[in-house]
Amino acid sequence: MSEQDEKIQELERRINVLENYSKPSHPAKKWVWTMLGIVLGLFLVMFLIGVIQFISA
């Protein structure tokens, strides 16, 4: 093989590696969704407690 063929094969290998590369998930995004779920859960619980107290009064 000529030097040019070797360069082409190396470039094709690098392209394949880059195409198959998947970005790692962001741990901060998971943390934000967890905190949002906790806040909404607490809001829902407090809302239900308020409704129950209003109905009971």
PDB file of N, CA and C in Angstrom:
ATOM      1  N   MET A   1       0.840  -1.194   0.000  1.00  0.00           N
ATOM      2  CA  MET A   1       0.000   0.000   0.000  1.00  0.00           C
ATOM      3  C   MET A   1       0.879   1.249   0.000  1.00  0.00           C
ATOM      4  N   SER A   2       0.388   2.252  -0.620  1.00  0.00           N
ATOM      5  CA  SER A   2       1.144   3.500  -0.647  1.00  0.00           C
ATOM      6  C   SER A   2       0.874   4.285   0.632  1.00  0.00           C
ATOM      7  N   GLU A   3       1.663   5.289   0.826  1.00  0.00           N
ATOM      8  CA  GLU A   3       1.524   6.126   2.019  1.00  0.00           C
ATOM      9  C   GLU A   3       0.167   6.838   2.025  1.00  0.00           C
ATOM     10  N   GLN A   4      -0.286   7.214   0.845  1.00  0.00           N
ATOM     11  CA  GLN A   4      -1.575   7.891   0.746  1.00  0.00           C
ATOM     12  C   GLN A   4      -2.726   6.960   1.142  1.00  0.00           C
ATOM     13  N   ASP A   5      -2.645   5.695   0.745  1.00  0.00           N
ATOM     14  CA  ASP A   5      -3.677   4.725   1.136  1.00  0.00           C
ATOM     15  C   ASP A   5      -3.698   4.533   2.649  1.00  0.00           C
ATOM     16  N   GLU A   6      -2.537   4.499   3.264  1.00  0.00           N
ATOM     17  CA  GLU A   6      -2.470   4.350   4.720  1.00  0.00           C
ATOM     18  C   GLU A   6      -3.086   5.551   5.419  1.00  0.00           C
ATOM     19  N   LYS A   7      -2.835   6.749   4.892  1.00  0.00           N
ATOM     20  CA  LYS A   7      -3.418   7.953   5.477  1.00  0.00           C
ATOM     21  C   LYS A   7      -4.940   7.934   5.350  1.00  0.00           C
ATOM     22  N   ILE A   8      -5.417   7.495   4.183  1.00  0.00           N
ATOM     23  CA  ILE A   8      -6.865   7.430   3.970  1.00  0.00           C
ATOM     24  C   ILE A   8      -7.502   6.436   4.937  1.00  0.00           C
ATOM     25  N   GLN A   9      -6.887   5.285   5.125  1.00  0.00           N
ATOM     26  CA  GLN A   9      -7.431   4.282   6.060  1.00  0.00           C
ATOM     27  C   GLN A   9      -7.425   4.819   7.493  1.00  0.00           C
ATOM     28  N   GLU A  10      -6.360   5.521   7.866  1.00  0.00           N
ATOM     29  CA  GLU A  10      -6.295   6.087   9.215  1.00  0.00           C
ATOM     30  C   GLU A  10      -7.380   7.141   9.404  1.00  0.00           C
ATOM     31  N   LEU A  11      -7.597   7.973   8.398  1.00  0.00           N
ATOM     32  CA  LEU A  11      -8.656   8.977   8.493  1.00  0.00           C
ATOM     33  C   LEU A  11     -10.037   8.334   8.562  1.00  0.00           C
ATOM     34  N   GLU A  12     -10.257   7.272   7.784  1.00  0.00           N
ATOM     35  CA  GLU A  12     -11.537   6.560   7.841  1.00  0.00           C
ATOM     36  C   GLU A  12     -11.750   5.934   9.212  1.00  0.00           C
ATOM     37  N   ARG A  13     -10.679   5.402   9.803  1.00  0.00           N
ATOM     38  CA  ARG A  13     -10.795   4.827  11.146  1.00  0.00           C
ATOM     39  C   ARG A  13     -11.157   5.910  12.161  1.00  0.00           C
ATOM     40  N   ARG A  14     -10.530   7.069  12.051  1.00  0.00           N
ATOM     41  CA  ARG A  14     -10.833   8.168  12.976  1.00  0.00           C
ATOM     42  C   ARG A  14     -12.263   8.656  12.812  1.00  0.00           C
ATOM     43  N   ILE A  15     -12.733   8.719  11.564  1.00  0.00           N
ATOM     44  CA  ILE A  15     -14.117   9.137  11.318  1.00  0.00           C
ATOM     45  C   ILE A  15     -15.085   8.149  11.959  1.00  0.00           C
ATOM     46  N   ASN A  16     -14.812   6.854  11.815  1.00  0.00           N
ATOM     47  CA  ASN A  16     -15.678   5.839  12.424  1.00  0.00           C
ATOM     48  C   ASN A  16     -15.706   5.967  13.934  1.00  0.00           C
ATOM     49  N   VAL A  17     -14.553   6.245  14.538  1.00  0.00           N
ATOM     50  CA  VAL A  17     -14.502   6.410  15.993  1.00  0.00           C
ATOM     51  C   VAL A  17     -15.350   7.610  16.415  1.00  0.00           C
ATOM     52  N   LEU A  18     -15.224   8.721  15.681  1.00  0.00           N
ATOM     53  CA  LEU A  18     -15.994   9.917  16.025  1.00  0.00           C
ATOM     54  C   LEU A  18     -17.492   9.720  15.799  1.00  0.00           C
ATOM     55  N   GLU A  19     -17.869   9.005  14.750  1.00  0.00           N
ATOM     56  CA  GLU A  19     -19.291   8.769  14.492  1.00  0.00           C
ATOM     57  C   GLU A  19     -19.912   7.867  15.551  1.00  0.00           C
ATOM     58  N   ASN A  20     -19.144   6.941  16.093  1.00  0.00           N
ATOM     59  CA  ASN A  20     -19.671   6.012  17.091  1.00  0.00           C
ATOM     60  C   ASN A  20     -19.575   6.560  18.510  1.00  0.00           C
ATOM     61  N   TYR A  21     -18.963   7.731  18.664  1.00  0.00           N
ATOM     62  CA  TYR A  21     -18.799   8.315  19.989  1.00  0.00           C
ATOM     63  C   TYR A  21     -20.122   8.875  20.471  1.00  0.00           C
ATOM     64  N   SER A  22     -20.534   8.473  21.647  1.00  0.00           N
ATOM     65  CA  SER A  22     -21.763   9.008  22.229  1.00  0.00           C
ATOM     66  C   SER A  22     -21.389   9.930  23.381  1.00  0.00           C
ATOM     67  N   LYS A  23     -22.072  11.048  23.443  1.00  0.00           N
ATOM     68  CA  LYS A  23     -21.782  12.023  24.491  1.00  0.00           C
ATOM     69  C   LYS A  23     -22.219  11.465  25.841  1.00  0.00           C
ATOM     70  N   PRO A  24     -21.411  11.653  26.877  1.00  0.00           N
ATOM     71  CA  PRO A  24     -21.827  11.183  28.194  1.00  0.00           C
ATOM     72  C   PRO A  24     -22.985  12.033  28.722  1.00  0.00           C
ATOM     73  N   SER A  25     -23.874  11.403  29.448  1.00  0.00           N
ATOM     74  CA  SER A  25     -25.005  12.144  30.000  1.00  0.00           C
ATOM     75  C   SER A  25     -24.509  13.091  31.090  1.00  0.00           C
ATOM     76  N   HIS A  26     -25.196  14.204  31.210  1.00  0.00           N
ATOM     77  CA  HIS A  26     -24.792  15.203  32.193  1.00  0.00           C
ATOM     78  C   HIS A  26     -25.398  14.858  33.544  1.00  0.00           C
ATOM     79  N   PRO A  27     -24.553  14.657  34.562  1.00  0.00           N
ATOM     80  CA  PRO A  27     -25.108  14.348  35.893  1.00  0.00           C
ATOM     81  C   PRO A  27     -25.890  15.518  36.478  1.00  0.00           C
ATOM     82  N   ALA A  28     -25.557  16.745  36.074  1.00  0.00           N
ATOM     83  CA  ALA A  28     -26.283  17.908  36.586  1.00  0.00           C
ATOM     84  C   ALA A  28     -27.733  17.884  36.110  1.00  0.00           C
ATOM     85  N   LYS A  29     -27.966  17.418  34.901  1.00  0.00           N
ATOM     86  CA  LYS A  29     -29.327  17.359  34.371  1.00  0.00           C
ATOM     87  C   LYS A  29     -30.177  16.398  35.195  1.00  0.00           C
ATOM     88  N   LYS A  30     -29.602  15.270  35.558  1.00  0.00           N
ATOM     89  CA  LYS A  30     -30.324  14.297  36.381  1.00  0.00           C
ATOM     90  C   LYS A  30     -30.624  14.890  37.761  1.00  0.00           C
ATOM     91  N   TRP A  31     -29.664  15.642  38.295  1.00  0.00           N
ATOM     92  CA  TRP A  31     -29.839  16.265  39.603  1.00  0.00           C
ATOM     93  C   TRP A  31     -30.966  17.294  39.562  1.00  0.00           C
ATOM     94  N   VAL A  32     -31.031  18.071  38.485  1.00  0.00           N
ATOM     95  CA  VAL A  32     -32.088  19.080  38.343  1.00  0.00           C
ATOM     96  C   VAL A  32     -33.454  18.413  38.296  1.00  0.00           C
ATOM     97  N   TRP A  33     -33.589  17.333  37.516  1.00  0.00           N
ATOM     98  CA  TRP A  33     -34.876  16.638  37.439  1.00  0.00           C
ATOM     99  C   TRP A  33     -35.267  16.033  38.791  1.00  0.00           C
ATOM    100  N   THR A  34     -34.281  15.523  39.536  1.00  0.00           N
ATOM    101  CA  THR A  34     -34.562  14.969  40.863  1.00  0.00           C
ATOM    102  C   THR A  34     -35.067  16.050  41.808  1.00  0.00           C
ATOM    103  N   MET A  35     -34.392  17.193  41.826  1.00  0.00           N
ATOM    104  CA  MET A  35     -34.805  18.287  42.708  1.00  0.00           C
ATOM    105  C   MET A  35     -36.186  18.816  42.306  1.00  0.00           C
ATOM    106  N   LEU A  36     -36.438  18.919  41.004  1.00  0.00           N
ATOM    107  CA  LEU A  36     -37.745  19.376  40.534  1.00  0.00           C
ATOM    108  C   LEU A  36     -38.844  18.410  40.983  1.00  0.00           C
ATOM    109  N   GLY A  37     -38.568  17.113  40.910  1.00  0.00           N
ATOM    110  CA  GLY A  37     -39.536  16.119  41.358  1.00  0.00           C
ATOM    111  C   GLY A  37     -39.817  16.221  42.848  1.00  0.00           C
ATOM    112  N   ILE A  38     -38.758  16.448  43.636  1.00  0.00           N
ATOM    113  CA  ILE A  38     -38.930  16.578  45.091  1.00  0.00           C
ATOM    114  C   ILE A  38     -39.754  17.817  45.423  1.00  0.00           C
ATOM    115  N   VAL A  39     -39.431  18.943  44.783  1.00  0.00           N
ATOM    116  CA  VAL A  39     -40.170  20.182  45.049  1.00  0.00           C
ATOM    117  C   VAL A  39     -41.632  20.037  44.662  1.00  0.00           C
ATOM    118  N   LEU A  40     -41.897  19.473  43.484  1.00  0.00           N
ATOM    119  CA  LEU A  40     -43.289  19.287  43.069  1.00  0.00           C
ATOM    120  C   LEU A  40     -44.023  18.302  43.975  1.00  0.00           C
ATOM    121  N   GLY A  41     -43.318  17.270  44.424  1.00  0.00           N
ATOM    122  CA  GLY A  41     -43.929  16.307  45.346  1.00  0.00           C
ATOM    123  C   GLY A  41     -44.312  16.957  46.664  1.00  0.00           C
ATOM    124  N   LEU A  42     -43.411  17.777  47.216  1.00  0.00           N
ATOM    125  CA  LEU A  42     -43.722  18.476  48.469  1.00  0.00           C
ATOM    126  C   LEU A  42     -44.879  19.448  48.290  1.00  0.00           C
ATOM    127  N   PHE A  43     -44.885  20.158  47.151  1.00  0.00           N
ATOM    128  CA  PHE A  43     -45.983  21.085  46.880  1.00  0.00           C
ATOM    129  C   PHE A  43     -47.315  20.342  46.825  1.00  0.00           C
ATOM    130  N   LEU A  44     -47.326  19.205  46.163  1.00  0.00           N
ATOM    131  CA  LEU A  44     -48.554  18.426  46.046  1.00  0.00           C
ATOM    132  C   LEU A  44     -49.035  17.937  47.412  1.00  0.00           C
ATOM    133  N   VAL A  45     -48.118  17.469  48.236  1.00  0.00           N
ATOM    134  CA  VAL A  45     -48.496  16.990  49.578  1.00  0.00           C
ATOM    135  C   VAL A  45     -49.061  18.139  50.396  1.00  0.00           C
ATOM    136  N   MET A  46     -48.407  19.299  50.380  1.00  0.00           N
ATOM    137  CA  MET A  46     -48.906  20.439  51.166  1.00  0.00           C
ATOM    138  C   MET A  46     -50.259  20.920  50.627  1.00  0.00           C
ATOM    139  N   PHE A  47     -50.431  20.888  49.304  1.00  0.00           N
ATOM    140  CA  PHE A  47     -51.699  21.281  48.717  1.00  0.00           C
ATOM    141  C   PHE A  47     -52.819  20.351  49.185  1.00  0.00           C
ATOM    142  N   LEU A  48     -52.552  19.057  49.177  1.00  0.00           N
ATOM    143  CA  LEU A  48     -53.572  18.096  49.628  1.00  0.00           C
ATOM    144  C   LEU A  48     -53.895  18.267  51.107  1.00  0.00           C
ATOM    145  N   ILE A  49     -52.877  18.538  51.920  1.00  0.00           N
ATOM    146  CA  ILE A  49     -53.128  18.781  53.346  1.00  0.00           C
ATOM    147  C   ILE A  49     -54.006  20.015  53.514  1.00  0.00           C
ATOM    148  N   GLY A  50     -53.737  21.079  52.740  1.00  0.00           N
ATOM    149  CA  GLY A  50     -54.554  22.291  52.823  1.00  0.00           C
ATOM    150  C   GLY A  50     -55.988  22.032  52.400  1.00  0.00           C
ATOM    151  N   VAL A  51     -56.188  21.260  51.339  1.00  0.00           N
ATOM    152  CA  VAL A  51     -57.548  20.943  50.890  1.00  0.00           C
ATOM    153  C   VAL A  51     -58.283  20.144  51.955  1.00  0.00           C
ATOM    154  N   ILE A  52     -57.612  19.185  52.552  1.00  0.00           N
ATOM    155  CA  ILE A  52     -58.254  18.362  53.597  1.00  0.00           C
ATOM    156  C   ILE A  52     -58.638  19.231  54.796  1.00  0.00           C
ATOM    157  N   GLN A  53     -57.759  20.137  55.205  1.00  0.00           N
ATOM    158  CA  GLN A  53     -58.070  21.021  56.339  1.00  0.00           C
ATOM    159  C   GLN A  53     -59.217  21.969  55.989  1.00  0.00           C
ATOM    160  N   PHE A  54     -59.262  22.450  54.751  1.00  0.00           N
ATOM    161  CA  PHE A  54     -60.336  23.354  54.349  1.00  0.00           C
ATOM    162  C   PHE A  54     -61.681  22.626  54.351  1.00  0.00           C
ATOM    163  N   ILE A  55     -61.682  21.412  53.873  1.00  0.00           N
ATOM    164  CA  ILE A  55     -62.928  20.638  53.831  1.00  0.00           C
ATOM    165  C   ILE A  55     -63.386  20.288  55.254  1.00  0.00           C
ATOM    166  N   SER A  56     -62.428  19.993  56.130  1.00  0.00           N
ATOM    167  CA  SER A  56     -62.765  19.584  57.479  1.00  0.00           C
ATOM    168  C   SER A  56     -63.296  20.739  58.335  1.00  0.00           C
ATOM    169  N   ALA A  57     -62.933  21.962  57.999  1.00  0.00           N
ATOM    170  CA  ALA A  57     -63.297  23.115  58.843  1.00  0.00           C
ATOM    171  C   ALA A  57     -64.748  23.479  58.739  1.00  0.00           C
TER     172      ALA A  57
END
